Amino acid sequence: MKKIIIIKSLVFAVLANAQVGVNTPNPVNMLDVNGDINVRKELRTGGTNLLKGSAGSAGTIFHNNSELNINDWKSVKIADGQGSMSVFSLNTVADKTGAVFSSTNGSTSPYTEGTTINSTWTVLPGTTDTFSITNAVNKVAFTFQTTAQKTGNGNASAGFACGVFVDNLLRAVRTDVLIGSDGSYKIFNLNATLANLTPKNNYVVKIACTKRNLNSGTLGIGTAVNTTYLNNEMSQSVLTTSVLQPY
């Protein structure tokens, strides 16, 4: 008889408080669990007294919906062309130091992927960044933008190149030529995507530039060399690194 009385007392206490605590004497919600939860079957949301809630479908995720009074299930999709991948990491760095080239012309020879960075290249210091790969199936996208300005060579052209170096190896490069009067400048963009890099922690990426045919003038990459038309704030360089992996 005493056992029956105790059980009834517990039931009445639960009904009175309308809150149940598991491993906690002071529940703060209808059900307050202090510990791990093992769900052997479906987890449903949005149910009523008459209808079962939704358990979602294969490939969906549980979504904290701020616009409704209930949470729901969402499908995660990305643009076609990337496969079943999502953004694993994304970071942007900026540089205002830049690089200045003058005096004699540089080499105008083609560049070979995989060559080691050498003294003919000048690294833009603020563009050095790191990223990690955890899945053998991946894509790493680099988006680089800077400003090139020339001075001291009249209306002659000034040629240059900028490259993406990963662990000091050239992985992408683009050449360009700046044409115009003294102080002329232009926006320079370099976009590159590498696929299926070997999983590794802390790859190092950096942007470096080099001179080609300057025609005896001075060329600034990511920095102003003629402040009549440009300053370092306007000419700064920006590098964004995006890592995509299967979700």
Protein backbone atom coordinates (compact mmCIF):
# COMPACT_ATOMS: atom_id res chain seq x y z
CA MET A 1 0.00 0.00 0.00
CA LYS A 2 2.81 2.43 0.76
CA LYS A 3 4.31 1.88 -2.71
CA ILE A 4 1.00 2.73 -4.39
CA ILE A 5 0.71 5.93 -2.39
CA ILE A 6 4.24 6.99 -3.38
CA ILE A 7 3.59 6.37 -7.10
CA LYS A 8 0.35 8.33 -6.98
CA SER A 9 2.13 11.19 -5.24
CA LEU A 10 4.75 11.35 -7.99
CA VAL A 11 2.09 11.38 -10.71
CA PHE A 12 0.22 14.22 -9.00
CA ALA A 13 3.47 16.18 -8.64
CA VAL A 14 4.22 15.87 -12.35
CA LEU A 15 0.71 16.93 -13.32
CA ALA A 16 0.80 19.89 -10.97
CA ASN A 17 4.14 21.22 -12.16
CA ALA A 18 3.59 20.37 -15.86
CA GLN A 19 7.37 19.88 -16.09
CA VAL A 20 9.43 16.71 -16.05
CA GLY A 21 13.12 16.63 -15.21
CA VAL A 22 15.44 13.74 -16.00
CA ASN A 23 18.63 13.81 -13.93
CA THR A 24 17.74 17.31 -12.73
CA PRO A 25 15.57 18.28 -9.73
CA ASN A 26 14.66 21.69 -11.22
CA PRO A 27 13.38 21.30 -14.80
CA VAL A 28 13.10 24.57 -16.74
CA ASN A 29 10.92 23.25 -19.59
CA MET A 30 8.15 20.71 -20.21
CA LEU A 31 10.87 18.06 -20.51
CA ASP A 32 14.34 18.88 -19.21
CA VAL A 33 16.96 16.17 -19.81
CA ASN A 34 20.36 16.59 -18.20
CA GLY A 35 22.37 14.03 -20.17
CA ASP A 36 22.53 12.17 -23.49
CA ILE A 37 19.43 11.27 -25.50
CA ASN A 38 19.21 8.04 -27.49
CA VAL A 39 16.36 8.10 -30.01
CA ARG A 40 15.71 4.57 -31.33
CA LYS A 41 13.03 5.53 -33.85
CA GLU A 42 11.76 8.75 -35.43
CA LEU A 43 12.06 12.28 -34.11
CA ARG A 44 8.91 14.14 -35.16
CA THR A 45 8.06 17.83 -35.04
CA GLY A 46 4.91 19.90 -35.54
CA GLY A 47 2.44 17.31 -34.25
CA THR A 48 -1.01 17.99 -32.75
CA ASN A 49 -3.51 16.05 -30.62
CA LEU A 50 -4.97 14.63 -33.84
CA LEU A 51 -2.00 14.31 -36.20
CA LYS A 52 1.53 12.97 -35.97
CA GLY A 53 4.33 15.43 -36.53
CA SER A 54 6.74 15.23 -39.46
CA ALA A 55 9.83 13.01 -39.23
CA GLY A 56 11.39 14.64 -42.28
CA SER A 57 12.79 12.71 -45.21
CA ALA A 58 16.18 11.32 -46.20
CA GLY A 59 18.78 14.06 -46.65
CA THR A 60 16.94 16.77 -44.70
CA ILE A 61 18.17 18.51 -41.55
CA PHE A 62 16.33 19.69 -38.43
CA HIS A 63 15.80 23.44 -38.74
CA ASN A 64 15.26 26.01 -35.98
CA ASN A 65 12.56 28.07 -37.68
CA SER A 66 12.45 31.66 -36.39
CA GLU A 67 9.40 32.56 -38.52
CA LEU A 68 7.08 29.83 -37.22
CA ASN A 69 6.11 28.63 -33.77
CA ILE A 70 7.52 25.18 -34.55
CA ASN A 71 10.78 23.84 -35.89
CA ASP A 72 10.81 22.01 -39.20
CA TRP A 73 12.93 20.03 -41.67
CA LYS A 74 14.96 21.61 -44.48
CA SER A 75 16.74 20.34 -47.56
CA VAL A 76 20.31 21.58 -48.03
CA LYS A 77 21.07 22.38 -51.66
CA ILE A 78 23.82 24.27 -53.46
CA ALA A 79 24.29 25.50 -57.01
CA ASP A 80 24.64 22.95 -59.81
CA GLY A 81 28.21 22.22 -60.82
CA GLN A 82 29.62 21.69 -57.32
CA GLY A 83 28.08 18.27 -56.79
CA SER A 84 26.93 17.36 -53.31
CA MET A 85 29.27 19.79 -51.59
CA SER A 86 28.86 22.62 -49.14
CA VAL A 87 31.15 25.34 -47.84
CA PHE A 88 33.46 23.78 -45.26
CA SER A 89 35.40 26.98 -44.55
CA LEU A 90 35.65 30.50 -45.96
CA ASN A 91 38.07 33.27 -45.04
CA THR A 92 39.11 36.65 -46.43
CA VAL A 93 42.39 38.48 -45.85
CA ALA A 94 43.55 41.89 -47.08
CA ASP A 95 46.86 43.63 -47.79
CA LYS A 96 47.76 47.33 -48.12
CA THR A 97 51.54 46.90 -48.44
CA GLY A 98 51.55 45.68 -52.02
CA ALA A 99 54.63 45.40 -54.26
CA VAL A 100 56.53 47.97 -56.31
CA PHE A 101 58.55 47.08 -59.43
CA SER A 102 60.90 49.34 -61.39
CA SER A 103 64.28 49.46 -63.16
CA THR A 104 64.92 46.75 -65.75
CA ASN A 105 62.26 44.55 -67.28
CA GLY A 106 61.43 41.15 -65.85
CA SER A 107 61.07 37.85 -67.64
CA THR A 108 58.26 37.48 -70.18
CA SER A 109 58.55 33.70 -70.37
CA PRO A 110 55.52 31.44 -69.66
CA TYR A 111 55.02 30.03 -66.15
CA THR A 112 54.77 26.36 -65.18
CA GLU A 113 52.38 25.04 -62.56
CA GLY A 114 54.13 23.41 -59.61
CA THR A 115 57.30 25.51 -59.73
CA THR A 116 58.67 26.73 -56.41
CA ILE A 117 58.42 30.42 -55.56
CA ASN A 118 61.72 32.28 -56.00
CA SER A 119 63.19 35.77 -55.66
CA THR A 120 61.62 37.03 -58.90
CA TRP A 121 58.23 36.95 -57.13
CA THR A 122 57.19 39.42 -54.43
CA VAL A 123 54.67 38.15 -51.88
CA LEU A 124 51.90 40.54 -50.87
CA PRO A 125 52.33 40.00 -47.11
CA GLY A 126 48.74 40.44 -46.03
CA THR A 127 47.47 37.81 -48.46
CA THR A 128 49.07 34.87 -46.67
CA ASP A 129 46.41 32.56 -45.21
CA THR A 130 45.88 28.93 -44.16
CA PHE A 131 43.16 26.37 -44.87
CA SER A 132 42.60 22.71 -44.05
CA ILE A 133 41.24 19.74 -46.02
CA THR A 134 39.54 16.82 -44.25
CA ASN A 135 37.94 14.99 -47.20
CA ALA A 136 39.69 13.56 -50.25
CA VAL A 137 36.86 14.90 -52.42
CA ASN A 138 37.08 18.69 -52.31
CA LYS A 139 37.30 21.94 -54.21
CA VAL A 140 39.24 25.00 -53.06
CA ALA A 141 38.36 28.30 -54.72
CA PHE A 142 40.64 31.34 -54.57
CA THR A 143 39.32 34.80 -55.42
CA PHE A 144 41.93 37.56 -55.57
CA GLN A 145 41.46 41.22 -56.45
CA THR A 146 43.95 44.07 -56.45
CA THR A 147 44.81 47.30 -58.26
CA ALA A 148 47.74 47.89 -60.63
CA GLN A 149 49.09 51.39 -61.29
CA LYS A 150 51.98 52.62 -63.42
CA THR A 151 54.02 55.82 -63.48
CA GLY A 152 57.21 57.18 -65.02
CA ASN A 153 56.89 55.65 -68.48
CA GLY A 154 54.59 58.07 -70.28
CA ASN A 155 52.07 56.30 -72.46
CA ALA A 156 54.05 53.05 -72.64
CA SER A 157 52.61 49.80 -71.31
CA ALA A 158 53.58 47.91 -68.15
CA GLY A 159 53.25 44.14 -67.92
CA PHE A 160 53.01 41.95 -64.81
CA ALA A 161 51.77 38.64 -63.46
CA CYS A 162 50.26 37.49 -60.17
CA GLY A 163 50.03 33.90 -58.97
CA VAL A 164 48.45 31.73 -56.30
CA PHE A 165 51.07 29.74 -54.37
CA VAL A 166 50.01 26.84 -52.13
CA ASP A 167 52.77 25.60 -49.86
CA ASN A 168 55.15 27.73 -51.97
CA LEU A 169 54.22 25.96 -55.22
CA LEU A 170 52.61 27.86 -58.10
CA ARG A 171 49.04 26.58 -58.61
CA ALA A 172 47.49 29.35 -60.72
CA VAL A 173 48.75 32.46 -62.53
CA ARG A 174 47.45 35.27 -64.70
CA THR A 175 49.31 37.89 -66.70
CA ASP A 176 48.08 41.37 -67.58
CA VAL A 177 49.20 44.61 -69.25
CA LEU A 178 48.44 48.11 -68.05
CA ILE A 179 48.09 50.72 -70.80
CA GLY A 180 47.50 54.47 -70.48
CA SER A 181 49.04 57.76 -69.50
CA ASP A 182 51.12 58.39 -66.36
CA GLY A 183 49.22 57.39 -63.22
CA SER A 184 46.82 55.07 -65.03
CA TYR A 185 45.49 52.14 -63.00
CA LYS A 186 43.18 49.15 -63.37
CA ILE A 187 41.47 46.45 -61.31
CA PHE A 188 43.13 43.03 -61.56
CA ASN A 189 41.25 39.79 -60.77
CA LEU A 190 42.50 36.25 -60.43
CA ASN A 191 40.07 33.37 -59.81
CA ALA A 192 41.24 29.78 -59.52
CA THR A 193 39.81 26.46 -58.29
CA LEU A 194 41.82 23.42 -57.23
CA ALA A 195 40.16 20.01 -56.99
CA ASN A 196 40.77 17.04 -54.70
CA LEU A 197 43.75 18.28 -52.72
CA THR A 198 45.25 15.71 -50.35
CA PRO A 199 43.67 15.99 -46.86
CA LYS A 200 45.98 18.03 -44.68
CA ASN A 201 45.85 20.51 -41.83
CA ASN A 202 46.99 24.09 -42.50
CA TYR A 203 47.87 24.44 -46.14
CA VAL A 204 49.51 27.85 -46.65
CA VAL A 205 48.26 30.01 -49.52
CA LYS A 206 49.80 33.31 -50.60
CA ILE A 207 49.62 35.70 -53.51
CA ALA A 208 52.84 36.85 -55.16
CA CYS A 209 53.37 39.12 -58.16
CA THR A 210 56.25 39.73 -60.58
CA LYS A 211 57.18 42.24 -63.25
CA ARG A 212 57.31 41.47 -66.94
CA ASN A 213 57.89 44.28 -69.47
CA LEU A 214 57.83 47.63 -67.62
CA ASN A 215 59.24 49.86 -70.37
CA SER A 216 61.48 51.59 -67.79
CA GLY A 217 58.59 52.79 -65.63
CA THR A 218 57.45 51.97 -62.11
CA LEU A 219 54.56 49.61 -61.42
CA GLY A 220 52.64 49.21 -58.19
CA ILE A 221 50.54 46.15 -57.39
CA GLY A 222 48.19 46.67 -54.46
CA THR A 223 49.80 50.03 -53.66
CA ALA A 224 49.74 53.53 -55.13
CA VAL A 225 52.81 54.74 -57.05
CA ASN A 226 51.16 57.98 -58.21
CA THR A 227 49.00 59.42 -55.42
CA THR A 228 47.47 62.05 -57.68
CA TYR A 229 44.97 59.44 -58.84
CA LEU A 230 45.12 56.67 -56.24
CA ASN A 231 45.95 55.91 -52.60
CA ASN A 232 46.78 52.74 -50.68
CA GLU A 233 43.25 52.42 -49.27
CA MET A 234 41.82 52.36 -52.78
CA SER A 235 44.46 50.01 -54.17
CA GLN A 236 44.55 47.34 -51.44
CA SER A 237 44.46 43.62 -52.24
CA VAL A 238 41.88 41.08 -51.05
CA LEU A 239 42.08 37.27 -51.11
CA THR A 240 39.13 34.98 -50.30
CA THR A 241 39.68 31.24 -49.85
CA SER A 242 36.66 28.90 -49.94
CA VAL A 243 36.88 25.18 -49.17
CA LEU A 244 33.99 22.99 -50.37
CA GLN A 245 33.56 19.37 -49.26
CA PRO A 246 30.74 16.79 -49.28
CA TYR A 247 28.26 17.26 -46.46
